[in-house]
Amino acid sequence: MNESGSATTTRSAWDIAAAVPDPELPVVTIGDLGILRDVTENDTGCVHVQVTPTYSGCPAVETIRDELVERLTCAGYRRVDVETVLWPAWTTDWITAEGRARLADHGIAPPAPARAAGGPVDVEIGVRCPRCGSPETRELSRFGSTACKALRVCGACAEPFDHVKPI
């Protein structure tokens, strides 16, 4: 236990929290997106959860908070506090490999893979179509169904698709 009396992150509370689907991208969880930062539990059944939204004005934060409280309360935790942490700011580098694969499997082009800390920055020349894999795509609108996505169309298969904007 640390000085505040809370135990280190528990897998059960963490697993419950990490499984909460993102309300705007329900094919991935908040764990997949990397917005779940920390989960601590004390011996009186209280849980403290920290999340970092994809951007500071994200309208999904309240829905995520409510879902975390509901799921953890239903799992038997007596009190659930959810804290929004804005620093360091979320980056698409925090999306897990599984999250990127789930996005692509559901027709949403994920951002370029995470870069190694201190390593070279990859330059993405084009966005591949998640349906046919063609690099011949173009942006139709900088803003898609949510502010964190852009709307693109494939020149090869002519299908429109969302692309999670790299941050």
C-alpha atoms as a PDB file:
ATOM      1  CA  MET A   1       0.000   0.000   0.000  1.00  0.00           C
ATOM      2  CA  ASN A   2       1.101   3.556  -0.602  1.00  0.00           C
ATOM      3  CA  GLU A   3       0.803   6.536   1.770  1.00  0.00           C
ATOM      4  CA  SER A   4      -2.802   7.225   0.781  1.00  0.00           C
ATOM      5  CA  GLY A   5      -3.822   3.735   1.862  1.00  0.00           C
ATOM      6  CA  SER A   6      -4.637   2.539  -1.639  1.00  0.00           C
ATOM      7  CA  ALA A   7      -3.357  -0.703  -3.033  1.00  0.00           C
ATOM      8  CA  THR A   8      -1.606  -0.936  -6.370  1.00  0.00           C
ATOM      9  CA  THR A   9      -3.772  -1.335  -9.429  1.00  0.00           C
ATOM     10  CA  THR A  10      -5.937  -4.411  -9.150  1.00  0.00           C
ATOM     11  CA  ARG A  11      -6.486  -6.532 -12.210  1.00  0.00           C
ATOM     12  CA  SER A  12     -10.180  -7.122 -11.558  1.00  0.00           C
ATOM     13  CA  ALA A  13     -11.090  -3.427 -11.302  1.00  0.00           C
ATOM     14  CA  TRP A  14      -8.689  -2.624 -14.154  1.00  0.00           C
ATOM     15  CA  ASP A  15     -10.181  -5.368 -16.356  1.00  0.00           C
ATOM     16  CA  ILE A  16     -13.726  -4.151 -15.707  1.00  0.00           C
ATOM     17  CA  ALA A  17     -12.771  -0.559 -16.512  1.00  0.00           C
ATOM     18  CA  ALA A  18     -10.671  -1.465 -19.562  1.00  0.00           C
ATOM     19  CA  ALA A  19     -13.624  -3.357 -21.080  1.00  0.00           C
ATOM     20  CA  VAL A  20     -15.855  -0.263 -21.246  1.00  0.00           C
ATOM     21  CA  PRO A  21     -16.568   0.440 -24.920  1.00  0.00           C
ATOM     22  CA  ASP A  22     -15.831   3.878 -26.302  1.00  0.00           C
ATOM     23  CA  PRO A  23     -19.228   5.521 -26.968  1.00  0.00           C
ATOM     24  CA  GLU A  24     -18.086   7.102 -30.242  1.00  0.00           C
ATOM     25  CA  LEU A  25     -16.049   4.109 -31.469  1.00  0.00           C
ATOM     26  CA  PRO A  26     -17.860   1.141 -29.858  1.00  0.00           C
ATOM     27  CA  VAL A  27     -15.719  -1.394 -31.735  1.00  0.00           C
ATOM     28  CA  VAL A  28     -12.892  -0.538 -29.316  1.00  0.00           C
ATOM     29  CA  THR A  29     -12.729  -0.208 -25.551  1.00  0.00           C
ATOM     30  CA  ILE A  30     -11.283   2.606 -23.495  1.00  0.00           C
ATOM     31  CA  GLY A  31      -8.432   0.188 -22.746  1.00  0.00           C
ATOM     32  CA  ASP A  32      -7.817  -0.325 -26.487  1.00  0.00           C
ATOM     33  CA  LEU A  33      -7.764   3.435 -27.041  1.00  0.00           C
ATOM     34  CA  GLY A  34      -5.315   4.005 -24.211  1.00  0.00           C
ATOM     35  CA  ILE A  35      -7.536   6.560 -22.504  1.00  0.00           C
ATOM     36  CA  LEU A  36      -7.712   4.445 -19.325  1.00  0.00           C
ATOM     37  CA  ARG A  37      -4.737   5.733 -17.341  1.00  0.00           C
ATOM     38  CA  ASP A  38      -4.941   4.188 -13.872  1.00  0.00           C
ATOM     39  CA  VAL A  39      -7.231   2.217 -11.579  1.00  0.00           C
ATOM     40  CA  THR A  40      -6.550   2.052  -7.848  1.00  0.00           C
ATOM     41  CA  GLU A  41      -8.571   0.399  -5.130  1.00  0.00           C
ATOM     42  CA  ASN A  42      -8.443   0.661  -1.351  1.00  0.00           C
ATOM     43  CA  ASP A  43      -9.425  -1.918   1.254  1.00  0.00           C
ATOM     44  CA  THR A  44     -12.828  -0.303   1.881  1.00  0.00           C
ATOM     45  CA  GLY A  45     -14.114  -1.079  -1.642  1.00  0.00           C
ATOM     46  CA  CYS A  46     -13.458   2.338  -3.144  1.00  0.00           C
ATOM     47  CA  VAL A  47     -12.041   2.601  -6.654  1.00  0.00           C
ATOM     48  CA  HIS A  48     -10.358   5.613  -8.240  1.00  0.00           C
ATOM     49  CA  VAL A  49     -10.191   5.612 -12.038  1.00  0.00           C
ATOM     50  CA  GLN A  50      -8.191   8.050 -14.175  1.00  0.00           C
ATOM     51  CA  VAL A  51      -9.031   8.628 -17.834  1.00  0.00           C
ATOM     52  CA  THR A  52      -7.558  10.955 -20.438  1.00  0.00           C
ATOM     53  CA  PRO A  53     -10.004  11.887 -23.214  1.00  0.00           C
ATOM     54  CA  THR A  54      -8.899  11.870 -26.826  1.00  0.00           C
ATOM     55  CA  TYR A  55      -9.183  15.659 -26.702  1.00  0.00           C
ATOM     56  CA  SER A  56     -10.124  18.066 -23.920  1.00  0.00           C
ATOM     57  CA  GLY A  57     -13.569  18.874 -25.334  1.00  0.00           C
ATOM     58  CA  CYS A  58     -14.561  15.264 -26.008  1.00  0.00           C
ATOM     59  CA  PRO A  59     -18.329  14.936 -25.437  1.00  0.00           C
ATOM     60  CA  ALA A  60     -17.992  11.220 -24.624  1.00  0.00           C
ATOM     61  CA  VAL A  61     -16.252  11.846 -21.268  1.00  0.00           C
ATOM     62  CA  GLU A  62     -19.500  11.979 -19.274  1.00  0.00           C
ATOM     63  CA  THR A  63     -20.822   8.812 -20.908  1.00  0.00           C
ATOM     64  CA  ILE A  64     -17.532   7.017 -20.170  1.00  0.00           C
ATOM     65  CA  ARG A  65     -17.658   8.240 -16.560  1.00  0.00           C
ATOM     66  CA  ASP A  66     -21.247   7.007 -16.124  1.00  0.00           C
ATOM     67  CA  GLU A  67     -20.432   3.618 -17.659  1.00  0.00           C
ATOM     68  CA  LEU A  68     -17.370   3.179 -15.431  1.00  0.00           C
ATOM     69  CA  VAL A  69     -19.385   4.000 -12.311  1.00  0.00           C
ATOM     70  CA  GLU A  70     -22.196   1.640 -13.331  1.00  0.00           C
ATOM     71  CA  ARG A  71     -19.984  -1.326 -14.230  1.00  0.00           C
ATOM     72  CA  LEU A  72     -17.716  -1.048 -11.206  1.00  0.00           C
ATOM     73  CA  THR A  73     -20.651  -0.507  -8.832  1.00  0.00           C
ATOM     74  CA  CYS A  74     -22.426  -3.552 -10.295  1.00  0.00           C
ATOM     75  CA  ALA A  75     -19.197  -5.520  -9.742  1.00  0.00           C
ATOM     76  CA  GLY A  76     -19.471  -4.768  -6.016  1.00  0.00           C
ATOM     77  CA  TYR A  77     -17.285  -1.716  -5.528  1.00  0.00           C
ATOM     78  CA  ARG A  78     -18.823   0.542  -2.880  1.00  0.00           C
ATOM     79  CA  ARG A  79     -17.652   3.877  -4.272  1.00  0.00           C
ATOM     80  CA  VAL A  80     -16.241   4.781  -7.685  1.00  0.00           C
ATOM     81  CA  ASP A  81     -14.486   8.076  -8.398  1.00  0.00           C
ATOM     82  CA  VAL A  82     -13.572   8.921 -11.980  1.00  0.00           C
ATOM     83  CA  GLU A  83     -10.967  11.619 -12.567  1.00  0.00           C
ATOM     84  CA  THR A  84     -10.306  13.233 -15.935  1.00  0.00           C
ATOM     85  CA  VAL A  85      -6.567  13.764 -16.426  1.00  0.00           C
ATOM     86  CA  LEU A  86      -5.594  16.144 -19.234  1.00  0.00           C
ATOM     87  CA  TRP A  87      -1.815  15.952 -18.930  1.00  0.00           C
ATOM     88  CA  PRO A  88      -0.005  14.443 -20.605  1.00  0.00           C
ATOM     89  CA  ALA A  89      -2.437  14.852 -23.457  1.00  0.00           C
ATOM     90  CA  TRP A  90      -3.690  11.691 -25.125  1.00  0.00           C
ATOM     91  CA  THR A  91      -2.011  10.674 -28.363  1.00  0.00           C
ATOM     92  CA  THR A  92      -2.946   8.109 -30.990  1.00  0.00           C
ATOM     93  CA  ASP A  93       0.336   6.412 -30.078  1.00  0.00           C
ATOM     94  CA  TRP A  94      -1.523   5.071 -27.020  1.00  0.00           C
ATOM     95  CA  ILE A  95      -3.942   2.996 -29.131  1.00  0.00           C
ATOM     96  CA  THR A  96      -3.017  -0.660 -28.697  1.00  0.00           C
ATOM     97  CA  ALA A  97      -2.211  -2.985 -31.588  1.00  0.00           C
ATOM     98  CA  GLU A  98      -5.466  -4.816 -30.802  1.00  0.00           C
ATOM     99  CA  GLY A  99      -7.355  -1.524 -30.948  1.00  0.00           C
ATOM    100  CA  ARG A 100      -5.840  -0.657 -34.323  1.00  0.00           C
ATOM    101  CA  ALA A 101      -6.764  -4.096 -35.650  1.00  0.00           C
ATOM    102  CA  ARG A 102     -10.351  -3.803 -34.360  1.00  0.00           C
ATOM    103  CA  LEU A 103     -10.766  -0.407 -36.002  1.00  0.00           C
ATOM    104  CA  ALA A 104      -9.509  -1.724 -39.339  1.00  0.00           C
ATOM    105  CA  ASP A 105     -11.677  -4.861 -39.064  1.00  0.00           C
ATOM    106  CA  HIS A 106     -14.720  -2.609 -38.727  1.00  0.00           C
ATOM    107  CA  GLY A 107     -13.917  -0.368 -41.695  1.00  0.00           C
ATOM    108  CA  ILE A 108     -12.295   2.488 -39.762  1.00  0.00           C
ATOM    109  CA  ALA A 109      -8.765   3.344 -40.853  1.00  0.00           C
ATOM    110  CA  PRO A 110      -6.564   3.532 -37.746  1.00  0.00           C
ATOM    111  CA  PRO A 111      -3.834   6.148 -37.446  1.00  0.00           C
ATOM    112  CA  ALA A 112      -0.291   5.135 -38.333  1.00  0.00           C
ATOM    113  CA  PRO A 113       1.298   2.771 -35.789  1.00  0.00           C
ATOM    114  CA  ALA A 114       2.865   4.153 -32.656  1.00  0.00           C
ATOM    115  CA  ARG A 115       6.403   5.409 -33.000  1.00  0.00           C
ATOM    116  CA  ALA A 116       9.246   4.410 -30.753  1.00  0.00           C
ATOM    117  CA  ALA A 117      10.114   6.998 -28.116  1.00  0.00           C
ATOM    118  CA  GLY A 118      13.025   9.071 -29.346  1.00  0.00           C
ATOM    119  CA  GLY A 119      12.976   7.286 -32.686  1.00  0.00           C
ATOM    120  CA  PRO A 120      12.261   8.618 -36.151  1.00  0.00           C
ATOM    121  CA  VAL A 121       8.784   9.889 -36.903  1.00  0.00           C
ATOM    122  CA  ASP A 122       7.096   7.994 -39.725  1.00  0.00           C
ATOM    123  CA  VAL A 123       5.537  10.174 -42.390  1.00  0.00           C
ATOM    124  CA  GLU A 124       2.233   8.794 -43.580  1.00  0.00           C
ATOM    125  CA  ILE A 125       1.987   9.570 -47.287  1.00  0.00           C
ATOM    126  CA  GLY A 126      -1.479   8.138 -47.667  1.00  0.00           C
ATOM    127  CA  VAL A 127      -4.210   6.407 -45.751  1.00  0.00           C
ATOM    128  CA  ARG A 128      -4.974   2.875 -46.877  1.00  0.00           C
ATOM    129  CA  CYS A 129      -8.576   1.871 -47.399  1.00  0.00           C
ATOM    130  CA  PRO A 130      -9.596  -0.467 -44.552  1.00  0.00           C
ATOM    131  CA  ARG A 131     -11.849  -2.397 -46.957  1.00  0.00           C
ATOM    132  CA  CYS A 132      -9.602  -3.125 -49.969  1.00  0.00           C
ATOM    133  CA  GLY A 133      -6.165  -1.938 -48.787  1.00  0.00           C
ATOM    134  CA  SER A 134      -5.663   0.551 -51.610  1.00  0.00           C
ATOM    135  CA  PRO A 135      -3.495   3.591 -50.835  1.00  0.00           C
ATOM    136  CA  GLU A 136      -5.517   5.591 -53.392  1.00  0.00           C
ATOM    137  CA  THR A 137      -7.730   7.423 -50.931  1.00  0.00           C
ATOM    138  CA  ARG A 138      -8.616  11.057 -50.473  1.00  0.00           C
ATOM    139  CA  GLU A 139     -10.087  13.135 -47.702  1.00  0.00           C
ATOM    140  CA  LEU A 140     -13.685  14.236 -48.264  1.00  0.00           C
ATOM    141  CA  SER A 141     -14.022  16.130 -44.998  1.00  0.00           C
ATOM    142  CA  ARG A 142     -11.564  16.895 -42.192  1.00  0.00           C
ATOM    143  CA  PHE A 143     -14.397  16.124 -39.776  1.00  0.00           C
ATOM    144  CA  GLY A 144     -16.207  12.801 -39.916  1.00  0.00           C
ATOM    145  CA  SER A 145     -18.885  11.334 -37.694  1.00  0.00           C
ATOM    146  CA  THR A 146     -16.919  12.585 -34.661  1.00  0.00           C
ATOM    147  CA  ALA A 147     -14.298  15.315 -34.268  1.00  0.00           C
ATOM    148  CA  CYS A 148     -11.506  12.764 -33.856  1.00  0.00           C
ATOM    149  CA  LYS A 149     -12.194  11.208 -37.272  1.00  0.00           C
ATOM    150  CA  ALA A 150     -11.964  12.426 -40.864  1.00  0.00           C
ATOM    151  CA  LEU A 151     -14.167  11.190 -43.709  1.00  0.00           C
ATOM    152  CA  ARG A 152     -12.261   9.654 -46.623  1.00  0.00           C
ATOM    153  CA  VAL A 153     -13.152   7.803 -49.830  1.00  0.00           C
ATOM    154  CA  CYS A 154     -11.250   5.090 -51.675  1.00  0.00           C
ATOM    155  CA  GLY A 155     -10.426   5.645 -55.343  1.00  0.00           C
ATOM    156  CA  ALA A 156     -10.199   1.890 -56.005  1.00  0.00           C
ATOM    157  CA  CYS A 157     -13.396   0.516 -54.404  1.00  0.00           C
ATOM    158  CA  ALA A 158     -15.243   3.879 -54.122  1.00  0.00           C
ATOM    159  CA  GLU A 159     -16.235   3.152 -50.511  1.00  0.00           C
ATOM    160  CA  PRO A 160     -16.302   5.983 -47.967  1.00  0.00           C
ATOM    161  CA  PHE A 161     -14.711   5.344 -44.581  1.00  0.00           C
ATOM    162  CA  ASP A 162     -13.720   7.065 -41.351  1.00  0.00           C
ATOM    163  CA  HIS A 163     -10.060   7.612 -40.486  1.00  0.00           C
ATOM    164  CA  VAL A 164      -8.954   8.223 -36.904  1.00  0.00           C
ATOM    165  CA  LYS A 165      -6.851  11.370 -37.134  1.00  0.00           C
ATOM    166  CA  PRO A 166      -3.314  10.997 -35.768  1.00  0.00           C
ATOM    167  CA  ILE A 167      -2.588  13.245 -32.830  1.00  0.00           C
END
